[in-house]
Amino acid sequence: MTVAKRLLVHGRVQGVGFRFTTCIEAKRLGVSGWVRNRHDGTVEIHAEGAQEAVDELTEWASHGPPNAHVTRLDITATTPENQSGFTERA
């Protein structure tokens, strides 16, 4: 069964390789979706796939790559977009 989550990551999350490493983690876990920087300084992630894999990506996003400093992670269940692969959006 495919689940989907929208993650909104707050803190020092832009300019630290967050999108790049999110793509690597998502691909490693077999999660589909996308990641993008938002104008308000947050990073938004749409993740879909097996429950366990999406949960693992969510856990990873709660701290992100080494240079990030995540202060808050908002998690919302959403509808799968039937993505194939994981991409970085502008």
Protein backbone atom coordinates (compact mmCIF):
# COMPACT_ATOMS: atom_id res chain seq x y z
CA MET A 1 0.00 0.00 0.00
CA THR A 2 1.34 3.42 -0.98
CA VAL A 3 1.27 6.24 1.54
CA ALA A 4 2.16 9.88 0.96
CA LYS A 5 3.36 12.63 3.29
CA ARG A 6 4.11 16.30 2.89
CA LEU A 7 7.01 17.39 5.05
CA LEU A 8 7.82 21.02 5.75
CA VAL A 9 11.28 21.37 7.26
CA HIS A 10 12.13 24.51 9.26
CA GLY A 11 15.49 25.78 10.50
CA ARG A 12 18.83 26.20 8.74
CA VAL A 13 17.87 23.96 5.84
CA GLN A 14 18.75 25.96 2.73
CA GLY A 15 22.30 26.28 1.47
CA VAL A 16 23.43 23.16 3.34
CA GLY A 17 22.79 20.45 0.72
CA PHE A 18 19.40 19.48 2.12
CA ARG A 19 17.69 18.95 -1.26
CA PHE A 20 20.63 17.04 -2.72
CA THR A 21 20.93 14.67 0.21
CA THR A 22 17.15 14.24 0.43
CA CYS A 23 17.23 12.91 -3.13
CA ILE A 24 20.01 10.47 -2.22
CA GLU A 25 18.16 9.24 0.89
CA ALA A 26 14.83 8.91 -0.93
CA LYS A 27 16.39 6.92 -3.76
CA ARG A 28 18.22 4.68 -1.26
CA LEU A 29 14.90 3.98 0.51
CA GLY A 30 12.87 3.52 -2.69
CA VAL A 31 10.69 6.57 -1.97
CA SER A 32 9.20 8.57 -4.85
CA GLY A 33 8.34 12.26 -4.89
CA TRP A 34 10.13 15.58 -4.88
CA VAL A 35 11.89 18.19 -2.76
CA ARG A 36 12.10 21.97 -3.17
CA ASN A 37 13.20 25.14 -1.40
CA ARG A 38 10.41 27.56 -0.51
CA HIS A 39 10.68 31.34 -0.47
CA ASP A 40 10.09 31.42 3.30
CA GLY A 41 13.36 29.54 3.96
CA THR A 42 11.82 26.11 4.53
CA VAL A 43 12.27 22.94 2.51
CA GLU A 44 9.17 21.08 1.30
CA ILE A 45 9.21 17.35 0.61
CA HIS A 46 6.51 15.22 -1.01
CA ALA A 47 7.31 11.58 -0.22
CA GLU A 48 5.34 8.52 -1.30
CA GLY A 49 5.93 4.81 -1.16
CA ALA A 50 5.80 1.98 1.35
CA GLN A 51 4.88 3.09 4.88
CA GLU A 52 8.18 1.97 6.39
CA ALA A 53 10.27 3.72 3.73
CA VAL A 54 8.33 6.99 4.00
CA ASP A 55 8.64 6.81 7.78
CA GLU A 56 12.42 6.34 7.49
CA LEU A 57 12.71 9.36 5.19
CA THR A 58 10.59 11.37 7.62
CA GLU A 59 12.91 10.40 10.47
CA TRP A 60 15.95 11.38 8.39
CA ALA A 61 14.34 14.76 7.52
CA SER A 62 13.97 15.51 11.23
CA HIS A 63 17.74 16.17 11.31
CA GLY A 64 18.82 16.24 7.64
CA PRO A 65 22.42 16.39 6.45
CA PRO A 66 25.31 17.26 8.80
CA ASN A 67 25.31 21.05 8.19
CA ALA A 68 21.55 21.45 8.62
CA HIS A 69 19.87 22.50 11.85
CA VAL A 70 16.22 21.39 11.81
CA THR A 71 14.12 23.25 14.38
CA ARG A 72 10.71 21.91 13.38
CA LEU A 73 9.21 19.32 11.04
CA ASP A 74 5.57 19.65 10.03
CA ILE A 75 4.10 16.39 8.73
CA THR A 76 0.84 16.12 6.82
CA ALA A 77 -0.71 13.03 5.24
CA THR A 78 -1.53 13.71 1.60
CA THR A 79 -2.68 11.99 -1.56
CA PRO A 80 -0.12 10.06 -3.64
CA GLU A 81 0.76 11.80 -6.91
CA ASN A 82 1.95 8.52 -8.47
CA GLN A 83 5.46 9.88 -8.89
CA SER A 84 8.13 7.75 -10.48
CA GLY A 85 11.50 8.39 -8.95
CA PHE A 86 12.52 11.30 -6.75
CA THR A 87 13.39 14.74 -8.12
CA GLU A 88 14.60 18.13 -6.99
CA ARG A 89 12.27 20.95 -7.99
CA ALA A 90 13.13 24.62 -8.38
